[in-house]
Protein backbone atom coordinates (compact mmCIF):
# COMPACT_ATOMS: atom_id res chain seq x y z
CA UNK A 1 40.36 -39.78 -59.67
CA UNK A 2 42.08 -42.13 -57.27
CA UNK A 3 40.95 -43.11 -53.89
CA UNK A 4 43.15 -40.55 -52.25
CA UNK A 5 41.82 -37.69 -54.41
CA UNK A 6 38.19 -38.78 -53.71
CA UNK A 7 38.96 -38.90 -49.93
CA UNK A 8 40.22 -35.24 -50.01
CA UNK A 9 37.25 -34.14 -52.13
CA UNK A 10 34.75 -35.58 -49.64
CA UNK A 11 36.63 -33.90 -46.79
CA UNK A 12 36.51 -30.56 -48.70
CA UNK A 13 32.72 -30.73 -49.25
CA UNK A 14 32.12 -31.64 -45.57
CA UNK A 15 34.20 -28.64 -44.53
CA UNK A 16 32.29 -26.40 -46.82
CA UNK A 17 28.90 -27.56 -45.39
CA UNK A 18 30.20 -27.01 -41.86
CA UNK A 19 31.26 -23.49 -42.81
CA UNK A 20 27.84 -22.77 -44.23
CA UNK A 21 26.36 -24.16 -41.06
CA UNK A 22 28.34 -21.89 -38.81
CA UNK A 23 27.59 -18.88 -41.11
CA UNK A 24 23.90 -19.29 -40.71
CA UNK A 25 22.59 -16.63 -38.29
CA UNK A 26 21.42 -17.88 -34.97
CA UNK A 27 17.79 -17.41 -34.02
CA UNK A 28 17.56 -14.06 -32.28
CA UNK A 29 16.89 -14.00 -28.57
CA UNK A 30 13.16 -12.95 -27.89
CA UNK A 31 13.22 -9.34 -26.73
CA UNK A 32 11.74 -9.10 -23.17
CA UNK A 33 9.39 -6.45 -22.12
CA UNK A 34 11.87 -4.48 -19.90
CA UNK A 35 11.11 -1.08 -18.51
CA UNK A 36 13.62 0.91 -16.34
CA UNK A 37 12.10 3.63 -14.09
CA UNK A 38 14.54 6.24 -12.95
CA UNK A 39 13.24 7.49 -9.57
CA UNK A 40 14.72 10.63 -8.07
CA UNK A 41 13.18 9.73 -4.59
CA UNK A 42 11.90 6.29 -4.03
CA UNK A 43 9.65 5.35 -1.10
CA UNK A 44 9.92 1.66 -1.78
CA UNK A 45 8.68 0.58 1.57
CA UNK A 46 6.32 3.14 3.35
CA UNK A 47 7.40 3.14 6.98
CA UNK A 48 11.11 3.05 6.02
CA UNK A 49 13.31 5.96 4.84
CA UNK A 50 13.09 6.83 1.14
CA UNK A 51 15.93 6.05 -1.27
CA UNK A 52 17.60 8.48 -3.56
CA UNK A 53 18.44 7.97 -7.31
CA UNK A 54 17.21 4.49 -7.84
CA UNK A 55 16.35 2.41 -10.91
CA UNK A 56 13.32 0.05 -10.83
CA UNK A 57 13.75 -2.79 -13.25
CA UNK A 58 10.37 -4.08 -14.47
CA UNK A 59 9.87 -7.08 -16.58
CA UNK A 60 6.37 -7.41 -17.92
CA UNK A 61 3.89 -7.01 -15.08
CA UNK A 62 6.29 -7.34 -12.22
CA UNK A 63 9.33 -5.77 -10.62
CA UNK A 64 12.54 -7.66 -11.42
CA UNK A 65 14.93 -5.75 -9.19
CA UNK A 66 15.84 -2.29 -7.76
CA UNK A 67 19.34 -0.94 -8.38
CA UNK A 68 21.08 2.13 -6.90
CA UNK A 69 21.84 4.72 -9.41
CA UNK A 70 20.43 5.37 -12.86
CA UNK A 71 20.95 2.21 -14.85
CA UNK A 72 20.51 2.12 -18.57
CA UNK A 73 19.68 -0.90 -20.87
CA UNK A 74 23.43 -1.02 -21.97
CA UNK A 75 24.44 -1.51 -18.36
CA UNK A 76 22.19 -4.52 -18.11
CA UNK A 77 23.08 -5.80 -21.70
CA UNK A 78 19.43 -5.03 -22.54
CA UNK A 79 19.67 -2.41 -25.18
CA UNK A 80 15.88 -2.75 -25.88
CA UNK A 81 14.94 -1.55 -22.40
CA UNK A 82 12.55 1.40 -22.23
CA UNK A 83 13.37 4.25 -19.85
CA UNK A 84 10.93 6.26 -17.85
CA UNK A 85 12.40 9.35 -16.45
CA UNK A 86 11.06 10.17 -12.94
CA UNK A 87 14.25 11.75 -11.65
CA UNK A 88 12.36 14.87 -10.48
CA UNK A 89 9.54 13.02 -8.90
CA UNK A 90 8.62 11.27 -5.70
CA UNK A 91 8.02 7.64 -6.53
CA UNK A 92 6.12 5.12 -4.32
CA UNK A 93 3.85 2.09 -4.52
CA UNK A 94 0.32 2.55 -5.81
CA UNK A 95 -2.18 3.58 -3.18
CA UNK A 96 -5.00 1.41 -1.74
CA UNK A 97 -8.46 2.27 -0.70
CA UNK A 98 -9.99 -0.47 1.50
CA UNK A 99 -13.58 0.95 1.45
CA UNK A 100 -15.20 2.09 -1.69
CA UNK A 101 -18.53 1.61 -3.56
CA UNK A 102 -17.74 1.99 -7.21
CA UNK A 103 -21.25 1.19 -8.56
CA UNK A 104 -23.28 2.76 -5.86
CA UNK A 105 -26.11 5.03 -6.98
CA UNK A 106 -29.02 6.52 -5.13
CA UNK A 107 -32.59 5.63 -5.75
CA UNK A 108 -34.88 2.51 -5.62
CA UNK A 109 -35.19 1.87 -9.37
CA UNK A 110 -31.59 1.54 -10.41
CA UNK A 111 -30.88 -0.42 -13.49
CA UNK A 112 -27.91 -2.67 -13.86
CA UNK A 113 -26.64 -0.85 -16.99
CA UNK A 114 -26.63 2.42 -15.13
CA UNK A 115 -24.61 0.90 -12.25
CA UNK A 116 -22.16 -0.55 -14.81
CA UNK A 117 -21.62 2.81 -16.54
CA UNK A 118 -21.20 4.48 -13.16
CA UNK A 119 -18.70 1.85 -12.14
CA UNK A 120 -16.63 2.34 -15.29
CA UNK A 121 -16.45 6.08 -14.79
CA UNK A 122 -15.57 5.77 -11.09
CA UNK A 123 -13.00 3.14 -11.62
CA UNK A 124 -11.04 5.37 -13.94
CA UNK A 125 -11.30 8.39 -11.63
CA UNK A 126 -9.96 6.12 -8.82
CA UNK A 127 -7.03 4.87 -10.87
CA UNK A 128 -6.22 8.40 -12.11
CA UNK A 129 -5.90 9.50 -8.47
CA UNK A 130 -3.14 6.99 -7.83
CA UNK A 131 -5.22 4.21 -6.23
CA UNK A 132 -4.23 0.94 -8.01
CA UNK A 133 -6.06 -1.43 -5.61
CA UNK A 134 -9.45 -1.14 -3.85
CA UNK A 135 -11.76 -3.09 -1.76
CA UNK A 136 -15.37 -2.61 -2.83
CA UNK A 137 -17.57 -3.13 0.27
CA UNK A 138 -21.13 -2.83 -0.99
CA UNK A 139 -22.86 -2.95 -4.29
CA UNK A 140 -26.25 -3.91 -5.68
CA UNK A 141 -26.53 -7.20 -7.75
CA UNK A 142 -23.52 -8.71 -9.47
CA UNK A 143 -22.31 -5.74 -11.54
CA UNK A 144 -19.28 -5.24 -9.41
CA UNK A 145 -17.97 -8.79 -10.06
CA UNK A 146 -18.29 -8.11 -13.76
CA UNK A 147 -16.49 -4.83 -13.49
CA UNK A 148 -13.69 -6.42 -11.39
CA UNK A 149 -13.23 -9.16 -14.04
CA UNK A 150 -13.21 -6.78 -17.08
CA UNK A 151 -10.50 -4.69 -15.35
CA UNK A 152 -8.55 -7.74 -14.57
CA UNK A 153 -8.79 -8.81 -18.23
CA UNK A 154 -7.48 -5.35 -19.27
CA UNK A 155 -10.70 -4.41 -21.05
CA UNK A 156 -11.51 -1.44 -18.71
CA UNK A 157 -9.19 1.00 -17.00
CA UNK A 158 -9.41 0.84 -13.28
CA UNK A 159 -7.93 -0.38 -10.00
CA UNK A 160 -7.58 -3.98 -9.00
CA UNK A 161 -10.80 -4.74 -7.20
CA UNK A 162 -11.48 -7.13 -4.32
CA UNK A 163 -15.32 -7.07 -4.08
CA UNK A 164 -17.84 -8.03 -1.45
CA UNK A 165 -20.94 -7.61 -3.54
CA UNK A 166 -24.12 -6.99 -1.57
CA UNK A 167 -24.03 -6.41 2.16
CA UNK A 168 -25.51 -8.97 4.49
CA UNK A 169 -27.92 -7.47 7.04
CA UNK A 170 -31.03 -8.33 9.03
CA UNK A 171 -34.47 -7.38 7.81
CA UNK A 172 -34.25 -5.76 4.32
CA UNK A 173 -30.96 -3.84 4.37
CA UNK A 174 -30.57 -1.08 1.85
CA UNK A 175 -29.15 -2.63 -1.38
CA UNK A 176 -28.21 -5.62 0.78
CA UNK A 177 -29.17 -9.31 1.32
CA UNK A 178 -31.35 -10.73 4.01
CA UNK A 179 -30.01 -12.56 6.98
CA UNK A 180 -32.92 -13.66 9.18
CA UNK A 181 -32.23 -16.66 11.21
CA UNK A 182 -29.18 -18.92 10.92
CA UNK A 183 -30.44 -20.88 7.82
CA UNK A 184 -31.25 -17.67 5.95
CA UNK A 185 -27.84 -16.17 6.88
CA UNK A 186 -26.05 -19.33 5.85
CA UNK A 187 -27.86 -19.47 2.48
CA UNK A 188 -27.12 -15.78 1.77
CA UNK A 189 -23.49 -16.10 2.53
CA UNK A 190 -23.13 -19.12 0.23
CA UNK A 191 -24.94 -17.39 -2.57
CA UNK A 192 -22.70 -14.36 -2.36
CA UNK A 193 -19.52 -16.53 -2.40
CA UNK A 194 -20.81 -18.55 -5.34
CA UNK A 195 -21.50 -15.31 -7.21
CA UNK A 196 -17.81 -14.36 -6.89
CA UNK A 197 -17.40 -12.46 -3.63
CA UNK A 198 -13.83 -11.96 -2.46
CA UNK A 199 -15.00 -10.59 0.87
CA UNK A 200 -18.17 -10.67 2.89
CA UNK A 201 -19.50 -7.43 4.30
CA UNK A 202 -22.01 -7.50 7.23
CA UNK A 203 -24.13 -4.70 8.86
CA UNK A 204 -23.16 -5.31 12.46
CA UNK A 205 -25.02 -2.10 13.16
CA UNK A 206 -27.49 -0.01 11.06
CA UNK A 207 -26.41 2.77 8.67
CA UNK A 208 -24.72 5.90 10.04
CA UNK A 209 -27.65 7.89 8.51
CA UNK A 210 -30.10 6.24 10.95
CA UNK A 211 -30.57 6.99 14.63
CA UNK A 212 -30.03 3.33 15.62
CA UNK A 213 -26.33 3.88 14.76
CA UNK A 214 -25.79 6.12 17.60
CA UNK A 215 -23.55 5.32 20.60
CA UNK A 216 -26.09 3.18 22.49
CA UNK A 217 -27.33 1.38 19.41
CA UNK A 218 -27.82 -2.32 19.73
CA UNK A 219 -26.03 -4.96 17.58
CA UNK A 220 -28.03 -6.17 14.62
CA UNK A 221 -27.37 -9.90 14.59
CA UNK A 222 -28.20 -12.69 17.07
CA UNK A 223 -25.40 -15.02 17.99
CA UNK A 224 -26.68 -17.92 15.86
CA UNK A 225 -26.93 -15.55 12.81
CA UNK A 226 -23.43 -14.10 13.02
CA UNK A 227 -22.06 -17.62 13.68
CA UNK A 228 -23.80 -18.90 10.54
CA UNK A 229 -22.32 -16.04 8.29
CA UNK A 230 -18.73 -16.26 9.65
CA UNK A 231 -18.84 -20.06 9.72
CA UNK A 232 -19.63 -20.21 5.97
CA UNK A 233 -17.11 -17.59 5.13
CA UNK A 234 -14.27 -19.40 7.13
CA UNK A 235 -15.26 -22.57 5.41
CA UNK A 236 -14.51 -20.98 2.01
CA UNK A 237 -11.50 -18.97 3.13
CA UNK A 238 -13.24 -15.67 2.84
CA UNK A 239 -12.65 -12.70 5.23
CA UNK A 240 -15.39 -10.76 6.80
CA UNK A 241 -15.69 -6.96 7.16
CA UNK A 242 -18.13 -5.52 9.70
CA UNK A 243 -19.90 -2.20 9.42
CA UNK A 244 -20.23 -0.87 12.90
CA UNK A 245 -20.89 2.51 14.53
CA UNK A 246 -22.30 2.03 18.11
CA UNK A 247 -20.16 1.11 21.17
CA UNK A 248 -21.34 -2.52 21.57
CA UNK A 249 -21.81 -3.71 17.93
CA UNK A 250 -17.98 -4.06 17.37
CA UNK A 251 -17.47 -5.77 20.57
CA UNK A 252 -20.20 -8.25 19.61
CA UNK A 253 -18.79 -9.30 16.37
CA UNK A 254 -15.16 -9.32 17.46
CA UNK A 255 -16.00 -12.46 19.41
CA UNK A 256 -16.59 -14.32 16.16
CA UNK A 257 -13.46 -13.64 13.96
CA UNK A 258 -13.98 -10.63 11.65
CA UNK A 259 -11.03 -9.31 9.83
CA UNK A 260 -11.89 -5.57 9.85
CA UNK A 261 -14.10 -3.06 11.45
CA UNK A 262 -15.52 -0.36 9.18
CA UNK A 263 -16.34 3.17 10.60
CA UNK A 264 -16.11 2.16 14.30
CA UNK A 265 -17.33 5.58 15.31
CA UNK A 266 -18.04 4.93 19.03
CA UNK A 267 -15.91 1.98 19.94
CA UNK A 268 -14.56 1.85 23.44
CA UNK A 269 -11.26 0.87 24.75
CA UNK A 270 -12.42 -2.63 25.46
CA UNK A 271 -13.10 -3.09 21.76
CA UNK A 272 -9.74 -1.55 20.69
CA UNK A 273 -7.94 -3.86 22.97
CA UNK A 274 -9.65 -6.87 21.51
CA UNK A 275 -8.82 -5.64 18.04
CA UNK A 276 -5.20 -5.24 18.88
CA UNK A 277 -5.01 -8.63 20.45
CA UNK A 278 -6.70 -10.28 17.41
CA UNK A 279 -4.93 -8.32 14.72
CA UNK A 280 -8.18 -6.95 13.41
CA UNK A 281 -7.93 -3.94 11.16
CA UNK A 282 -9.68 -0.60 11.70
CA UNK A 283 -10.86 1.19 8.58
CA UNK A 284 -12.34 4.53 9.87
CA UNK A 285 -13.63 6.07 6.67
CA UNK A 286 -12.91 9.55 8.22
CA UNK A 287 -13.38 11.36 4.86
CA UNK A 288 -17.16 11.04 5.30
CA UNK A 289 -16.78 13.93 7.71
CA UNK A 290 -16.32 16.13 4.63
CA UNK A 291 -19.93 15.32 3.76
CA UNK A 292 -21.25 15.76 7.30
CA UNK A 293 -19.49 19.07 7.74
CA UNK A 294 -20.88 20.40 4.45
CA UNK A 295 -24.43 19.25 5.31
CA UNK A 296 -24.18 21.24 8.53
CA UNK A 297 -22.60 24.33 7.02
CA UNK A 298 -25.25 24.36 4.27
CA UNK A 299 -28.00 24.10 6.84
CA UNK A 300 -29.37 20.77 5.36
CA UNK A 301 -29.66 18.99 8.64
CA UNK A 302 -31.54 20.26 11.73
CA UNK A 303 -32.85 19.10 15.16
CA UNK A 304 -32.24 15.53 16.16
CA UNK A 305 -30.28 14.47 12.97
CA UNK A 306 -28.01 17.53 13.42
CA UNK A 307 -27.27 16.39 17.00
CA UNK A 308 -26.73 12.79 15.78
CA UNK A 309 -24.25 13.97 13.07
CA UNK A 310 -22.45 16.24 15.60
CA UNK A 311 -21.90 13.26 17.89
CA UNK A 312 -20.09 11.43 15.04
CA UNK A 313 -18.04 14.50 14.12
CA UNK A 314 -16.99 14.86 17.83
CA UNK A 315 -16.37 11.33 18.95
CA UNK A 316 -15.17 9.47 15.80
CA UNK A 317 -11.85 11.38 15.58
CA UNK A 318 -11.25 10.72 19.20
CA UNK A 319 -11.83 6.96 18.61
CA UNK A 320 -9.36 6.97 15.61
CA UNK A 321 -6.58 8.60 17.61
CA UNK A 322 -7.03 6.29 20.57
CA UNK A 323 -6.80 3.28 18.20
CA UNK A 324 -3.61 4.81 16.58
CA UNK A 325 -1.94 5.44 19.91
CA UNK A 326 -2.79 1.90 21.10
CA UNK A 327 -1.16 0.33 18.07
CA UNK A 328 -4.42 -1.05 16.47
CA UNK A 329 -3.78 -1.97 12.84
CA UNK A 330 -5.31 0.60 10.57
CA UNK A 331 -5.87 0.87 6.84
CA UNK A 332 -7.23 3.73 4.79
CA UNK A 333 -10.71 3.58 3.32
CA UNK A 334 -12.52 6.68 2.05
CA UNK A 335 -16.09 5.38 1.66
CA UNK A 336 -16.10 6.76 -1.92
CA UNK A 337 -19.53 6.50 -3.29
CA UNK A 338 -20.76 8.21 -0.08
CA UNK A 339 -18.08 10.80 -0.75
CA UNK A 340 -16.71 11.69 -4.24
CA UNK A 341 -14.69 9.16 -6.28
CA UNK A 342 -11.30 10.33 -7.34
CA UNK A 343 -10.79 12.25 -4.06
CA UNK A 344 -9.97 9.01 -2.20
CA UNK A 345 -6.82 10.76 -0.91
CA UNK A 346 -8.95 12.83 1.48
CA UNK A 347 -8.63 9.94 3.94
CA UNK A 348 -4.88 10.34 4.18
CA UNK A 349 -5.17 14.11 4.52
CA UNK A 350 -7.66 14.00 7.27
CA UNK A 351 -5.63 11.38 9.15
CA UNK A 352 -2.65 13.56 9.24
CA UNK A 353 -4.80 16.64 10.12
CA UNK A 354 -5.80 14.60 13.18
CA UNK A 355 -2.20 13.96 14.28
CA UNK A 356 -1.24 10.86 12.41
CA UNK A 357 2.27 11.14 10.84
CA UNK A 358 2.48 11.38 7.01
CA UNK A 359 4.59 8.27 6.82
CA UNK A 360 2.15 6.28 8.94
CA UNK A 361 -0.67 7.54 6.72
CA UNK A 362 1.23 6.33 3.63
CA UNK A 363 1.94 3.06 5.15
CA UNK A 364 -1.75 2.63 6.05
CA UNK A 365 -2.59 3.26 2.37
CA UNK A 366 -0.03 0.76 1.00
CA UNK A 367 1.59 -1.76 3.32
CA UNK A 368 -1.19 -2.20 5.65
CA UNK A 369 -3.88 -2.43 2.80
CA UNK A 370 -1.83 -5.38 1.29
CA UNK A 371 -1.71 -7.02 4.66
CA UNK A 372 -5.43 -6.63 5.26
CA UNK A 373 -6.06 -8.29 1.81
CA UNK A 374 -3.61 -11.03 2.60
CA UNK A 375 -1.54 -10.02 -0.55
CA UNK A 376 1.73 -8.86 0.94
CA UNK A 377 3.61 -11.15 -1.44
CA UNK A 378 2.22 -9.25 -4.47
CA UNK A 379 1.30 -5.70 -3.34
CA UNK A 380 1.97 -2.82 -0.98
CA UNK A 381 5.72 -2.13 -1.71
CA UNK A 382 8.01 -1.59 -4.59
CA UNK A 383 10.08 -4.72 -4.38
CA UNK A 384 11.39 -7.61 -6.48
CA UNK A 385 8.76 -10.11 -7.38
CA UNK A 386 5.78 -7.77 -6.75
CA UNK A 387 3.42 -6.28 -9.19
CA UNK A 388 4.66 -3.12 -10.80
CA UNK A 389 2.04 -0.93 -9.09
CA UNK A 390 3.99 2.41 -9.16
CA UNK A 391 2.93 6.03 -8.88
CA UNK A 392 4.83 9.31 -8.93
CA UNK A 393 3.99 12.69 -7.35
CA UNK A 394 5.46 16.03 -8.35
CA UNK A 395 6.08 16.94 -4.69
CA UNK A 396 6.99 15.08 -1.48
CA UNK A 397 3.94 13.94 0.63
CA UNK A 398 6.09 13.27 3.59
CA UNK A 399 6.83 17.01 3.74
CA UNK A 400 3.20 17.98 3.12
CA UNK A 401 0.48 15.20 2.93
CA UNK A 402 -1.58 17.40 0.63
CA UNK A 403 1.04 16.72 -2.05
CA UNK A 404 -0.84 13.40 -2.32
CA UNK A 405 -3.08 15.05 -4.76
CA UNK A 406 -0.14 15.76 -7.15
CA UNK A 407 -0.19 12.49 -9.14
CA UNK A 408 1.77 12.79 -12.37
CA UNK A 409 2.36 9.10 -13.06
CA UNK A 410 0.38 5.89 -12.67
CA UNK A 411 1.41 2.46 -13.51
CA UNK A 412 -0.47 -0.77 -12.73
CA UNK A 413 1.07 -4.13 -13.42
CA UNK A 414 3.75 -2.62 -15.65
CA UNK A 415 1.25 -0.63 -17.78
CA UNK A 416 1.31 3.17 -17.81
CA UNK A 417 -2.12 4.69 -17.40
CA UNK A 418 -1.00 8.30 -16.64
CA UNK A 419 2.16 10.24 -17.42
CA UNK A 420 2.22 14.08 -17.29
């Protein structure tokens, strides 16, 4: 074979190799975890009008985008996308309860394993009721932190938990930690934070079941004690929630920089004005009135305690409506653990029964909860970039707030936990 023939043979072989190279299949693109939720009515941002016939595009744990109309995988060039049909449902962000006690049990000799089991049961009840995020404001020991972490790791079904752990109070508070003098208070606060507390909860007043929580009850802390607690919390970037019933206990702690007042039964206009000015949240726990009303109707409280409870039932609703009309920031918190878990929605129902609009109640249970937690970039609305915490109801809660009980679909971080 001459040089010319050899040259052409080499070219032919090289062309064959090139052809084989082009014929080799390309590595397939990795199929992404895409879910399309077709929402008949979508209240993407409570406080704003609902949208009709929308598609929520979810990629993994987060919302990628929202598109008008019912989009398919083919429209997005994603034939592998899963479709969830909620065309006949009312779709909205997962609800938030800013005051629960998931592991709370009555009794003095409570074991950690009993509290753990109770927490697992109550966490699931809460999630199935459509509450994808909670703030746990009082638990014994460190079980609540372990429950929070196991849920976060996906080992247990439950809502996202922001936990305070044990409550800080003077003397020997029930299920709480001592704060007696500034050094004791500082040590206790540091101990809680090192144990994993996301929040600090203080007893600014005594429990609502005690007479010292009535209208004229005195604040529990001295100034140097409350300064020590809040000083440590601020140093570590931890917010403080204050349990408060009497008139003056809220006013006292508001001078030091708390982020929320819990219960607030007898607060006066001076306290409400300070809360509005400082942007402090009010979490009323109104659904506790279910329990107080039942105790009264069953004849289980009499005499001085009956009068004590009646004062709460009369004045607390008035305080809530004054706060609402004055524009004080409010978030929903049921005090579940004192009242039944899984019925956290009672707070919204009672709010609306008082005169708060259904839209505002839903906003308090979503947008405002996220704001109180400092997590508006991740939670509170159905929007691009946020966690896919989405629930669906079989009827419109804007028309009747009691439809909030009709939960047929629950998704948290893109995972479906309930679909009826």
